[in-house]
Amino acid sequence: KLRGFLAQPSSWPSVEAMTRVFHCFHTPVTEYVVQHWQED
């Protein structure tokens, strides 16, 4: 809310954009998801 992302009118352009918003919530699981989310 403070960064103004809740009022965004469109979808997230990428997972990387979401990681920039939630940068203080990094865990090994979130890092893995960011690296592998586009793999079948």
PDB file of all heavy atoms in Angstrom:
ATOM      1  N   LYS A   1       0.837  -1.206   0.000  1.00  0.00           N
ATOM      2  CA  LYS A   1       0.000   0.000   0.000  1.00  0.00           C
ATOM      3  C   LYS A   1       0.869   1.252   0.000  1.00  0.00           C
ATOM      4  O   LYS A   1       0.625   2.200  -0.748  1.00  0.00           O
ATOM      5  CB  LYS A   1      -0.910  -0.024   1.230  1.00  0.00           C
ATOM      6  CG  LYS A   1      -2.064   0.934   1.153  1.00  0.00           C
ATOM      7  CD  LYS A   1      -2.984   0.769   2.341  1.00  0.00           C
ATOM      8  CE  LYS A   1      -3.844  -0.451   2.143  1.00  0.00           C
ATOM      9  NZ  LYS A   1      -4.916  -0.579   3.112  1.00  0.00           N
ATOM     10  N   LEU A   2       1.928   1.254   0.816  1.00  0.00           N
ATOM     11  CA  LEU A   2       2.807   2.421   0.885  1.00  0.00           C
ATOM     12  C   LEU A   2       3.551   2.652  -0.428  1.00  0.00           C
ATOM     13  O   LEU A   2       3.830   3.787  -0.794  1.00  0.00           O
ATOM     14  CB  LEU A   2       3.821   2.243   2.024  1.00  0.00           C
ATOM     15  CG  LEU A   2       3.239   2.314   3.437  1.00  0.00           C
ATOM     16  CD1 LEU A   2       4.313   1.999   4.465  1.00  0.00           C
ATOM     17  CD2 LEU A   2       2.622   3.673   3.702  1.00  0.00           C
ATOM     18  N   ARG A   3       3.855   1.597  -1.141  1.00  0.00           N
ATOM     19  CA  ARG A   3       4.563   1.739  -2.414  1.00  0.00           C
ATOM     20  C   ARG A   3       3.601   1.992  -3.579  1.00  0.00           C
ATOM     21  O   ARG A   3       4.031   2.135  -4.716  1.00  0.00           O
ATOM     22  CB  ARG A   3       5.366   0.473  -2.696  1.00  0.00           C
ATOM     23  CG  ARG A   3       6.553   0.333  -1.784  1.00  0.00           C
ATOM     24  CD  ARG A   3       7.204  -1.007  -2.012  1.00  0.00           C
ATOM     25  NE  ARG A   3       8.398  -1.106  -1.224  1.00  0.00           N
ATOM     26  CZ  ARG A   3       9.608  -1.261  -1.719  1.00  0.00           C
ATOM     27  NH1 ARG A   3       9.773  -1.348  -3.015  1.00  0.00           N
ATOM     28  NH2 ARG A   3      10.645  -1.354  -0.934  1.00  0.00           N
ATOM     29  N   GLY A   4       2.302   1.989  -3.324  1.00  0.00           N
ATOM     30  CA  GLY A   4       1.331   2.302  -4.362  1.00  0.00           C
ATOM     31  C   GLY A   4       1.015   1.154  -5.300  1.00  0.00           C
ATOM     32  O   GLY A   4       0.472   1.345  -6.372  1.00  0.00           O
ATOM     33  N   PHE A   5       1.334  -0.076  -4.882  1.00  0.00           N
ATOM     34  CA  PHE A   5       1.110  -1.208  -5.775  1.00  0.00           C
ATOM     35  C   PHE A   5      -0.274  -1.837  -5.638  1.00  0.00           C
ATOM     36  O   PHE A   5      -0.677  -2.619  -6.479  1.00  0.00           O
ATOM     37  CB  PHE A   5       2.180  -2.284  -5.558  1.00  0.00           C
ATOM     38  CG  PHE A   5       3.514  -1.882  -6.099  1.00  0.00           C
ATOM     39  CD1 PHE A   5       4.511  -1.458  -5.254  1.00  0.00           C
ATOM     40  CD2 PHE A   5       3.765  -1.920  -7.458  1.00  0.00           C
ATOM     41  CE1 PHE A   5       5.740  -1.080  -5.750  1.00  0.00           C
ATOM     42  CE2 PHE A   5       4.987  -1.552  -7.966  1.00  0.00           C
ATOM     43  CZ  PHE A   5       5.984  -1.128  -7.113  1.00  0.00           C
ATOM     44  N   LEU A   6      -1.002  -1.516  -4.585  1.00  0.00           N
ATOM     45  CA  LEU A   6      -2.333  -2.107  -4.445  1.00  0.00           C
ATOM     46  C   LEU A   6      -3.340  -1.452  -5.375  1.00  0.00           C
ATOM     47  O   LEU A   6      -4.355  -2.038  -5.711  1.00  0.00           O
ATOM     48  CB  LEU A   6      -2.819  -2.016  -2.998  1.00  0.00           C
ATOM     49  CG  LEU A   6      -2.121  -2.949  -2.026  1.00  0.00           C
ATOM     50  CD1 LEU A   6      -2.768  -2.852  -0.651  1.00  0.00           C
ATOM     51  CD2 LEU A   6      -2.177  -4.385  -2.504  1.00  0.00           C
ATOM     52  N   ALA A   7      -3.050  -0.225  -5.791  1.00  0.00           N
ATOM     53  CA  ALA A   7      -3.969   0.477  -6.685  1.00  0.00           C
ATOM     54  C   ALA A   7      -3.599   0.250  -8.148  1.00  0.00           C
ATOM     55  O   ALA A   7      -4.136   0.904  -9.026  1.00  0.00           O
ATOM     56  CB  ALA A   7      -3.946   1.966  -6.366  1.00  0.00           C
ATOM     57  N   GLN A   8      -2.683  -0.666  -8.414  1.00  0.00           N
ATOM     58  CA  GLN A   8      -2.248  -0.934  -9.791  1.00  0.00           C
ATOM     59  C   GLN A   8      -3.423  -1.488 -10.603  1.00  0.00           C
ATOM     60  O   GLN A   8      -4.026  -2.482 -10.220  1.00  0.00           O
ATOM     61  CB  GLN A   8      -1.103  -1.941  -9.762  1.00  0.00           C
ATOM     62  CG  GLN A   8      -0.486  -2.195 -11.108  1.00  0.00           C
ATOM     63  CD  GLN A   8       0.755  -3.071 -10.981  1.00  0.00           C
ATOM     64  OE1 GLN A   8       1.306  -3.229  -9.918  1.00  0.00           O
ATOM     65  NE2 GLN A   8       1.165  -3.642 -12.083  1.00  0.00           N
ATOM     66  N   PRO A   9      -3.755  -0.859 -11.728  1.00  0.00           N
ATOM     67  CA  PRO A   9      -4.945  -1.271 -12.480  1.00  0.00           C
ATOM     68  C   PRO A   9      -4.749  -2.521 -13.346  1.00  0.00           C
ATOM     69  O   PRO A   9      -5.708  -3.056 -13.859  1.00  0.00           O
ATOM     70  CB  PRO A   9      -5.237  -0.054 -13.362  1.00  0.00           C
ATOM     71  CG  PRO A   9      -3.896   0.581 -13.571  1.00  0.00           C
ATOM     72  CD  PRO A   9      -3.112   0.321 -12.308  1.00  0.00           C
ATOM     73  N   SER A  10      -3.527  -2.988 -13.503  1.00  0.00           N
ATOM     74  CA  SER A  10      -3.295  -4.131 -14.395  1.00  0.00           C
ATOM     75  C   SER A  10      -2.584  -5.259 -13.652  1.00  0.00           C
ATOM     76  O   SER A  10      -2.185  -5.108 -12.496  1.00  0.00           O
ATOM     77  CB  SER A  10      -2.441  -3.688 -15.589  1.00  0.00           C
ATOM     78  OG  SER A  10      -1.199  -3.195 -15.125  1.00  0.00           O
ATOM     79  N   SER A  11      -2.406  -6.377 -14.328  1.00  0.00           N
ATOM     80  CA  SER A  11      -1.713  -7.519 -13.748  1.00  0.00           C
ATOM     81  C   SER A  11      -0.236  -7.207 -13.591  1.00  0.00           C
ATOM     82  O   SER A  11       0.308  -6.299 -14.216  1.00  0.00           O
ATOM     83  CB  SER A  11      -1.861  -8.738 -14.660  1.00  0.00           C
ATOM     84  OG  SER A  11      -3.203  -9.081 -14.784  1.00  0.00           O
ATOM     85  N   TRP A  12       0.432  -8.020 -12.751  1.00  0.00           N
ATOM     86  CA  TRP A  12       1.871  -7.879 -12.599  1.00  0.00           C
ATOM     87  C   TRP A  12       2.534  -8.248 -13.922  1.00  0.00           C
ATOM     88  O   TRP A  12       2.187  -9.244 -14.541  1.00  0.00           O
ATOM     89  CB  TRP A  12       2.384  -8.825 -11.515  1.00  0.00           C
ATOM     90  CG  TRP A  12       1.858  -8.492 -10.159  1.00  0.00           C
ATOM     91  CD1 TRP A  12       0.842  -9.120  -9.514  1.00  0.00           C
ATOM     92  CD2 TRP A  12       2.299  -7.453  -9.297  1.00  0.00           C
ATOM     93  NE1 TRP A  12       0.625  -8.530  -8.297  1.00  0.00           N
ATOM     94  CE2 TRP A  12       1.506  -7.510  -8.136  1.00  0.00           C
ATOM     95  CE3 TRP A  12       3.276  -6.482  -9.390  1.00  0.00           C
ATOM     96  CZ2 TRP A  12       1.676  -6.633  -7.082  1.00  0.00           C
ATOM     97  CZ3 TRP A  12       3.444  -5.611  -8.328  1.00  0.00           C
ATOM     98  CH2 TRP A  12       2.646  -5.692  -7.188  1.00  0.00           C
ATOM     99  N   PRO A  13       3.507  -7.472 -14.368  1.00  0.00           N
ATOM    100  CA  PRO A  13       4.171  -7.796 -15.632  1.00  0.00           C
ATOM    101  C   PRO A  13       5.074  -9.020 -15.529  1.00  0.00           C
ATOM    102  O   PRO A  13       5.297  -9.714 -16.510  1.00  0.00           O
ATOM    103  CB  PRO A  13       4.986  -6.538 -15.948  1.00  0.00           C
ATOM    104  CG  PRO A  13       5.169  -5.850 -14.634  1.00  0.00           C
ATOM    105  CD  PRO A  13       3.985  -6.217 -13.801  1.00  0.00           C
ATOM    106  N   SER A  14       5.590  -9.308 -14.318  1.00  0.00           N
ATOM    107  CA  SER A  14       6.489 -10.453 -14.148  1.00  0.00           C
ATOM    108  C   SER A  14       6.614 -10.778 -12.667  1.00  0.00           C
ATOM    109  O   SER A  14       6.216  -9.994 -11.811  1.00  0.00           O
ATOM    110  CB  SER A  14       7.874 -10.139 -14.721  1.00  0.00           C
ATOM    111  OG  SER A  14       8.493  -9.133 -13.934  1.00  0.00           O
ATOM    112  N   VAL A  15       7.224 -11.930 -12.390  1.00  0.00           N
ATOM    113  CA  VAL A  15       7.487 -12.297 -10.999  1.00  0.00           C
ATOM    114  C   VAL A  15       8.531 -11.353 -10.410  1.00  0.00           C
ATOM    115  O   VAL A  15       8.487 -11.014  -9.235  1.00  0.00           O
ATOM    116  CB  VAL A  15       7.944 -13.769 -10.904  1.00  0.00           C
ATOM    117  CG1 VAL A  15       8.463 -14.099  -9.521  1.00  0.00           C
ATOM    118  CG2 VAL A  15       6.789 -14.688 -11.231  1.00  0.00           C
ATOM    119  N   GLU A  16       9.476 -10.907 -11.238  1.00  0.00           N
ATOM    120  CA  GLU A  16      10.513  -9.993 -10.758  1.00  0.00           C
ATOM    121  C   GLU A  16       9.896  -8.693 -10.226  1.00  0.00           C
ATOM    122  O   GLU A  16      10.370  -8.126  -9.245  1.00  0.00           O
ATOM    123  CB  GLU A  16      11.523  -9.675 -11.870  1.00  0.00           C
ATOM    124  CG  GLU A  16      12.441 -10.823 -12.213  1.00  0.00           C
ATOM    125  CD  GLU A  16      11.796 -11.840 -13.150  1.00  0.00           C
ATOM    126  OE1 GLU A  16      10.756 -11.540 -13.786  1.00  0.00           O
ATOM    127  OE2 GLU A  16      12.315 -12.962 -13.225  1.00  0.00           O
ATOM    128  N   ALA A  17       8.844  -8.217 -10.872  1.00  0.00           N
ATOM    129  CA  ALA A  17       8.173  -7.000 -10.398  1.00  0.00           C
ATOM    130  C   ALA A  17       7.581  -7.223  -9.014  1.00  0.00           C
ATOM    131  O   ALA A  17       7.624  -6.336  -8.161  1.00  0.00           O
ATOM    132  CB  ALA A  17       7.087  -6.580 -11.376  1.00  0.00           C
ATOM    133  N   MET A  18       7.062  -8.406  -8.782  1.00  0.00           N
ATOM    134  CA  MET A  18       6.504  -8.703  -7.461  1.00  0.00           C
ATOM    135  C   MET A  18       7.608  -8.775  -6.418  1.00  0.00           C
ATOM    136  O   MET A  18       7.419  -8.351  -5.281  1.00  0.00           O
ATOM    137  CB  MET A  18       5.712 -10.011  -7.499  1.00  0.00           C
ATOM    138  CG  MET A  18       4.439  -9.867  -8.271  1.00  0.00           C
ATOM    139  SD  MET A  18       3.403 -11.331  -8.481  1.00  0.00           S
ATOM    140  CE  MET A  18       3.940 -12.516  -7.370  1.00  0.00           C
ATOM    141  N   THR A  19       8.779  -9.296  -6.778  1.00  0.00           N
ATOM    142  CA  THR A  19       9.871  -9.392  -5.799  1.00  0.00           C
ATOM    143  C   THR A  19      10.389  -8.013  -5.426  1.00  0.00           C
ATOM    144  O   THR A  19      10.865  -7.814  -4.317  1.00  0.00           O
ATOM    145  CB  THR A  19      11.031 -10.262  -6.317  1.00  0.00           C
ATOM    146  OG1 THR A  19      11.534  -9.690  -7.521  1.00  0.00           O
ATOM    147  CG2 THR A  19      10.598 -11.684  -6.548  1.00  0.00           C
ATOM    148  N   ARG A  20      10.294  -7.054  -6.348  1.00  0.00           N
ATOM    149  CA  ARG A  20      10.715  -5.689  -6.012  1.00  0.00           C
ATOM    150  C   ARG A  20       9.762  -5.072  -4.991  1.00  0.00           C
ATOM    151  O   ARG A  20      10.173  -4.270  -4.159  1.00  0.00           O
ATOM    152  CB  ARG A  20      10.784  -4.836  -7.272  1.00  0.00           C
ATOM    153  CG  ARG A  20      11.992  -5.140  -8.127  1.00  0.00           C
ATOM    154  CD  ARG A  20      12.227  -4.057  -9.163  1.00  0.00           C
ATOM    155  NE  ARG A  20      11.109  -3.871 -10.090  1.00  0.00           N
ATOM    156  CZ  ARG A  20      10.941  -4.586 -11.200  1.00  0.00           C
ATOM    157  NH1 ARG A  20      11.792  -5.530 -11.523  1.00  0.00           N
ATOM    158  NH2 ARG A  20       9.912  -4.344 -11.995  1.00  0.00           N
ATOM    159  N   VAL A  21       8.503  -5.462  -5.051  1.00  0.00           N
ATOM    160  CA  VAL A  21       7.534  -4.923  -4.097  1.00  0.00           C
ATOM    161  C   VAL A  21       7.743  -5.548  -2.725  1.00  0.00           C
ATOM    162  O   VAL A  21       7.821  -4.863  -1.711  1.00  0.00           O
ATOM    163  CB  VAL A  21       6.089  -5.189  -4.576  1.00  0.00           C
ATOM    164  CG1 VAL A  21       5.101  -4.748  -3.533  1.00  0.00           C
ATOM    165  CG2 VAL A  21       5.844  -4.480  -5.873  1.00  0.00           C
ATOM    166  N   PHE A  22       7.853  -6.850  -2.680  1.00  0.00           N
ATOM    167  CA  PHE A  22       7.954  -7.560  -1.404  1.00  0.00           C
ATOM    168  C   PHE A  22       9.401  -7.940  -1.121  1.00  0.00           C
ATOM    169  O   PHE A  22       9.704  -9.085  -0.824  1.00  0.00           O
ATOM    170  CB  PHE A  22       7.059  -8.804  -1.436  1.00  0.00           C
ATOM    171  CG  PHE A  22       5.632  -8.488  -1.747  1.00  0.00           C
ATOM    172  CD1 PHE A  22       5.071  -8.834  -2.965  1.00  0.00           C
ATOM    173  CD2 PHE A  22       4.843  -7.817  -0.832  1.00  0.00           C
ATOM    174  CE1 PHE A  22       3.757  -8.533  -3.251  1.00  0.00           C
ATOM    175  CE2 PHE A  22       3.529  -7.498  -1.118  1.00  0.00           C
ATOM    176  CZ  PHE A  22       2.982  -7.855  -2.332  1.00  0.00           C
ATOM    177  N   HIS A  23      10.307  -6.978  -1.200  1.00  0.00           N
ATOM    178  CA  HIS A  23      11.728  -7.286  -1.082  1.00  0.00           C
ATOM    179  C   HIS A  23      12.140  -7.709   0.321  1.00  0.00           C
ATOM    180  O   HIS A  23      13.191  -8.312   0.494  1.00  0.00           O
ATOM    181  CB  HIS A  23      12.579  -6.109  -1.566  1.00  0.00           C
ATOM    182  CG  HIS A  23      12.432  -4.884  -0.725  1.00  0.00           C
ATOM    183  ND1 HIS A  23      13.136  -4.691   0.429  1.00  0.00           N
ATOM    184  CD2 HIS A  23      11.649  -3.790  -0.879  1.00  0.00           C
ATOM    185  CE1 HIS A  23      12.798  -3.525   0.954  1.00  0.00           C
ATOM    186  NE2 HIS A  23      11.893  -2.969   0.174  1.00  0.00           N
ATOM    187  N   CYS A  24      11.373  -7.433   1.349  1.00  0.00           N
ATOM    188  CA  CYS A  24      11.792  -7.821   2.700  1.00  0.00           C
ATOM    189  C   CYS A  24      11.282  -9.215   3.080  1.00  0.00           C
ATOM    190  O   CYS A  24      11.505  -9.658   4.194  1.00  0.00           O
ATOM    191  CB  CYS A  24      11.333  -6.782   3.717  1.00  0.00           C
ATOM    192  SG  CYS A  24       9.559  -6.592   3.837  1.00  0.00           S
ATOM    193  N   PHE A  25      10.646  -9.927   2.177  1.00  0.00           N
ATOM    194  CA  PHE A  25      10.121 -11.253   2.490  1.00  0.00           C
ATOM    195  C   PHE A  25      10.807 -12.338   1.666  1.00  0.00           C
ATOM    196  O   PHE A  25      10.161 -13.194   1.106  1.00  0.00           O
ATOM    197  CB  PHE A  25       8.603 -11.298   2.263  1.00  0.00           C
ATOM    198  CG  PHE A  25       7.852 -10.431   3.213  1.00  0.00           C
ATOM    199  CD1 PHE A  25       7.384  -9.194   2.806  1.00  0.00           C
ATOM    200  CD2 PHE A  25       7.647 -10.822   4.522  1.00  0.00           C
ATOM    201  CE1 PHE A  25       6.705  -8.372   3.688  1.00  0.00           C
ATOM    202  CE2 PHE A  25       6.972 -10.010   5.404  1.00  0.00           C
ATOM    203  CZ  PHE A  25       6.498  -8.775   4.994  1.00  0.00           C
ATOM    204  N   HIS A  26      12.111 -12.282   1.554  1.00  0.00           N
ATOM    205  CA  HIS A  26      12.839 -13.277   0.776  1.00  0.00           C
ATOM    206  C   HIS A  26      13.172 -14.481   1.645  1.00  0.00           C
ATOM    207  O   HIS A  26      13.664 -14.339   2.760  1.00  0.00           O
ATOM    208  CB  HIS A  26      14.122 -12.681   0.191  1.00  0.00           C
ATOM    209  CG  HIS A  26      13.860 -11.746  -0.940  1.00  0.00           C
ATOM    210  ND1 HIS A  26      13.573 -12.186  -2.208  1.00  0.00           N
ATOM    211  CD2 HIS A  26      13.808 -10.401  -0.997  1.00  0.00           C
ATOM    212  CE1 HIS A  26      13.381 -11.147  -2.999  1.00  0.00           C
ATOM    213  NE2 HIS A  26      13.497 -10.051  -2.279  1.00  0.00           N
ATOM    214  N   THR A  27      12.872 -15.642   1.127  1.00  0.00           N
ATOM    215  CA  THR A  27      13.221 -16.911   1.768  1.00  0.00           C
ATOM    216  C   THR A  27      13.822 -17.799   0.687  1.00  0.00           C
ATOM    217  O   THR A  27      13.703 -17.483  -0.504  1.00  0.00           O
ATOM    218  CB  THR A  27      11.977 -17.601   2.357  1.00  0.00           C
ATOM    219  OG1 THR A  27      11.117 -17.986   1.268  1.00  0.00           O
ATOM    220  CG2 THR A  27      11.221 -16.700   3.320  1.00  0.00           C
ATOM    221  N   PRO A  28      14.433 -18.918   1.060  1.00  0.00           N
ATOM    222  CA  PRO A  28      14.941 -19.827   0.023  1.00  0.00           C
ATOM    223  C   PRO A  28      13.837 -20.293  -0.931  1.00  0.00           C
ATOM    224  O   PRO A  28      14.066 -20.459  -2.119  1.00  0.00           O
ATOM    225  CB  PRO A  28      15.519 -20.992   0.828  1.00  0.00           C
ATOM    226  CG  PRO A  28      15.891 -20.395   2.144  1.00  0.00           C
ATOM    227  CD  PRO A  28      14.870 -19.326   2.401  1.00  0.00           C
ATOM    228  N   VAL A  29      12.628 -20.455  -0.414  1.00  0.00           N
ATOM    229  CA  VAL A  29      11.521 -20.904  -1.264  1.00  0.00           C
ATOM    230  C   VAL A  29      11.148 -19.827  -2.274  1.00  0.00           C
ATOM    231  O   VAL A  29      10.974 -20.109  -3.466  1.00  0.00           O
ATOM    232  CB  VAL A  29      10.297 -21.296  -0.404  1.00  0.00           C
ATOM    233  CG1 VAL A  29       9.093 -21.593  -1.269  1.00  0.00           C
ATOM    234  CG2 VAL A  29      10.629 -22.480   0.481  1.00  0.00           C
ATOM    235  N   THR A  30      11.042 -18.573  -1.829  1.00  0.00           N
ATOM    236  CA  THR A  30      10.676 -17.514  -2.773  1.00  0.00           C
ATOM    237  C   THR A  30      11.771 -17.310  -3.814  1.00  0.00           C
ATOM    238  O   THR A  30      11.474 -17.046  -4.978  1.00  0.00           O
ATOM    239  CB  THR A  30      10.387 -16.175  -2.057  1.00  0.00           C
ATOM    240  OG1 THR A  30      11.543 -15.773  -1.315  1.00  0.00           O
ATOM    241  CG2 THR A  30       9.186 -16.282  -1.148  1.00  0.00           C
ATOM    242  N   GLU A  31      13.025 -17.447  -3.408  1.00  0.00           N
ATOM    243  CA  GLU A  31      14.128 -17.324  -4.375  1.00  0.00           C
ATOM    244  C   GLU A  31      14.034 -18.431  -5.432  1.00  0.00           C
ATOM    245  O   GLU A  31      14.231 -18.196  -6.616  1.00  0.00           O
ATOM    246  CB  GLU A  31      15.484 -17.386  -3.669  1.00  0.00           C
ATOM    247  CG  GLU A  31      15.756 -16.206  -2.765  1.00  0.00           C
ATOM    248  CD  GLU A  31      15.790 -14.888  -3.507  1.00  0.00           C
ATOM    249  OE1 GLU A  31      16.262 -14.844  -4.659  1.00  0.00           O
ATOM    250  OE2 GLU A  31      15.320 -13.886  -2.937  1.00  0.00           O
ATOM    251  N   TYR A  32      13.726 -19.647  -4.983  1.00  0.00           N
ATOM    252  CA  TYR A  32      13.601 -20.774  -5.918  1.00  0.00           C
ATOM    253  C   TYR A  32      12.460 -20.524  -6.904  1.00  0.00           C
ATOM    254  O   TYR A  32      12.588 -20.756  -8.096  1.00  0.00           O
ATOM    255  CB  TYR A  32      13.378 -22.076  -5.143  1.00  0.00           C
ATOM    256  CG  TYR A  32      13.313 -23.284  -6.036  1.00  0.00           C
ATOM    257  CD1 TYR A  32      14.476 -23.936  -6.429  1.00  0.00           C
ATOM    258  CD2 TYR A  32      12.104 -23.758  -6.521  1.00  0.00           C
ATOM    259  CE1 TYR A  32      14.439 -25.033  -7.270  1.00  0.00           C
ATOM    260  CE2 TYR A  32      12.040 -24.853  -7.363  1.00  0.00           C
ATOM    261  CZ  TYR A  32      13.218 -25.488  -7.726  1.00  0.00           C
ATOM    262  OH  TYR A  32      13.164 -26.572  -8.569  1.00  0.00           O
ATOM    263  N   VAL A  33      11.339 -20.047  -6.388  1.00  0.00           N
ATOM    264  CA  VAL A  33      10.179 -19.777  -7.249  1.00  0.00           C
ATOM    265  C   VAL A  33      10.520 -18.714  -8.282  1.00  0.00           C
ATOM    266  O   VAL A  33      10.194 -18.857  -9.466  1.00  0.00           O
ATOM    267  CB  VAL A  33       8.948 -19.359  -6.407  1.00  0.00           C
ATOM    268  CG1 VAL A  33       7.835 -18.840  -7.295  1.00  0.00           C
ATOM    269  CG2 VAL A  33       8.463 -20.520  -5.569  1.00  0.00           C
ATOM    270  N   VAL A  34      11.195 -17.654  -7.863  1.00  0.00           N
ATOM    271  CA  VAL A  34      11.564 -16.584  -8.799  1.00  0.00           C
ATOM    272  C   VAL A  34      12.469 -17.133  -9.900  1.00  0.00           C
ATOM    273  O   VAL A  34      12.333 -16.765 -11.065  1.00  0.00           O
ATOM    274  CB  VAL A  34      12.251 -15.422  -8.044  1.00  0.00           C
ATOM    275  CG1 VAL A  34      12.916 -14.455  -9.004  1.00  0.00           C
ATOM    276  CG2 VAL A  34      11.237 -14.692  -7.183  1.00  0.00           C
ATOM    277  N   GLN A  35      13.379 -18.038  -9.545  1.00  0.00           N
ATOM    278  CA  GLN A  35      14.311 -18.578 -10.538  1.00  0.00           C
ATOM    279  C   GLN A  35      13.662 -19.572 -11.482  1.00  0.00           C
ATOM    280  O   GLN A  35      14.065 -19.701 -12.627  1.00  0.00           O
ATOM    281  CB  GLN A  35      15.501 -19.247  -9.839  1.00  0.00           C
ATOM    282  CG  GLN A  35      16.391 -18.270  -9.109  1.00  0.00           C
ATOM    283  CD  GLN A  35      17.421 -18.972  -8.255  1.00  0.00           C
ATOM    284  OE1 GLN A  35      17.512 -20.199  -8.259  1.00  0.00           O
ATOM    285  NE2 GLN A  35      18.196 -18.196  -7.511  1.00  0.00           N
ATOM    286  N   HIS A  36      12.654 -20.322 -11.017  1.00  0.00           N
ATOM    287  CA  HIS A  36      12.133 -21.450 -11.797  1.00  0.00           C
ATOM    288  C   HIS A  36      10.675 -21.316 -12.233  1.00  0.00           C
ATOM    289  O   HIS A  36      10.115 -22.267 -12.770  1.00  0.00           O
ATOM    290  CB  HIS A  36      12.289 -22.749 -10.992  1.00  0.00           C
ATOM    291  CG  HIS A  36      13.704 -23.051 -10.631  1.00  0.00           C
ATOM    292  ND1 HIS A  36      14.597 -23.576 -11.520  1.00  0.00           N
ATOM    293  CD2 HIS A  36      14.386 -22.874  -9.477  1.00  0.00           C
ATOM    294  CE1 HIS A  36      15.764 -23.729 -10.940  1.00  0.00           C
ATOM    295  NE2 HIS A  36      15.666 -23.303  -9.697  1.00  0.00           N
ATOM    296  N   TRP A  37      10.030 -20.173 -12.026  1.00  0.00           N
ATOM    297  CA  TRP A  37       8.591 -20.088 -12.260  1.00  0.00           C
ATOM    298  C   TRP A  37       8.194 -20.276 -13.710  1.00  0.00           C
ATOM    299  O   TRP A  37       7.059 -20.651 -14.002  1.00  0.00           O
ATOM    300  CB  TRP A  37       8.029 -18.776 -11.717  1.00  0.00           C
ATOM    301  CG  TRP A  37       8.381 -17.563 -12.513  1.00  0.00           C
ATOM    302  CD1 TRP A  37       9.555 -16.865 -12.457  1.00  0.00           C
ATOM    303  CD2 TRP A  37       7.579 -16.902 -13.480  1.00  0.00           C
ATOM    304  NE1 TRP A  37       9.530 -15.813 -13.327  1.00  0.00           N
ATOM    305  CE2 TRP A  37       8.328 -15.806 -13.975  1.00  0.00           C
ATOM    306  CE3 TRP A  37       6.309 -17.124 -13.990  1.00  0.00           C
ATOM    307  CZ2 TRP A  37       7.837 -14.950 -14.939  1.00  0.00           C
ATOM    308  CZ3 TRP A  37       5.818 -16.257 -14.956  1.00  0.00           C
ATOM    309  CH2 TRP A  37       6.579 -15.189 -15.412  1.00  0.00           C
ATOM    310  N   GLN A  38       9.102 -20.049 -14.656  1.00  0.00           N
ATOM    311  CA  GLN A  38       8.739 -20.192 -16.066  1.00  0.00           C
ATOM    312  C   GLN A  38       9.054 -21.578 -16.622  1.00  0.00           C
ATOM    313  O   GLN A  38       8.782 -21.838 -17.783  1.00  0.00           O
ATOM    314  CB  GLN A  38       9.457 -19.139 -16.902  1.00  0.00           C
ATOM    315  CG  GLN A  38       8.869 -17.758 -16.700  1.00  0.00           C
ATOM    316  CD  GLN A  38       9.489 -16.735 -17.630  1.00  0.00           C
ATOM    317  OE1 GLN A  38      10.692 -16.701 -17.803  1.00  0.00           O
ATOM    318  NE2 GLN A  38       8.660 -15.924 -18.240  1.00  0.00           N
ATOM    319  N   GLU A  39       9.612 -22.467 -15.817  1.00  0.00           N
ATOM    320  CA  GLU A  39       9.947 -23.809 -16.292  1.00  0.00           C
ATOM    321  C   GLU A  39       8.700 -24.692 -16.271  1.00  0.00           C
ATOM    322  O   GLU A  39       7.924 -24.675 -15.314  1.00  0.00           O
ATOM    323  CB  GLU A  39      11.035 -24.424 -15.414  1.00  0.00           C
ATOM    324  CG  GLU A  39      12.342 -23.663 -15.483  1.00  0.00           C
ATOM    325  CD  GLU A  39      13.372 -24.176 -14.494  1.00  0.00           C
ATOM    326  OE1 GLU A  39      13.123 -25.228 -13.858  1.00  0.00           O
ATOM    327  OE2 GLU A  39      14.411 -23.524 -14.349  1.00  0.00           O
ATOM    328  N   ASP A  40       8.531 -25.477 -17.317  1.00  0.00           N
ATOM    329  CA  ASP A  40       7.361 -26.350 -17.420  1.00  0.00           C
ATOM    330  C   ASP A  40       7.292 -27.353 -16.277  1.00  0.00           C
ATOM    331  O   ASP A  40       6.221 -27.622 -15.738  1.00  0.00           O
ATOM    332  CB  ASP A  40       7.366 -27.091 -18.757  1.00  0.00           C
ATOM    333  CG  ASP A  40       7.068 -26.165 -19.919  1.00  0.00           C
ATOM    334  OD1 ASP A  40       6.501 -25.081 -19.693  1.00  0.00           O
ATOM    335  OD2 ASP A  40       7.413 -26.524 -21.054  1.00  0.00           O
TER     336      ASP A  40
END
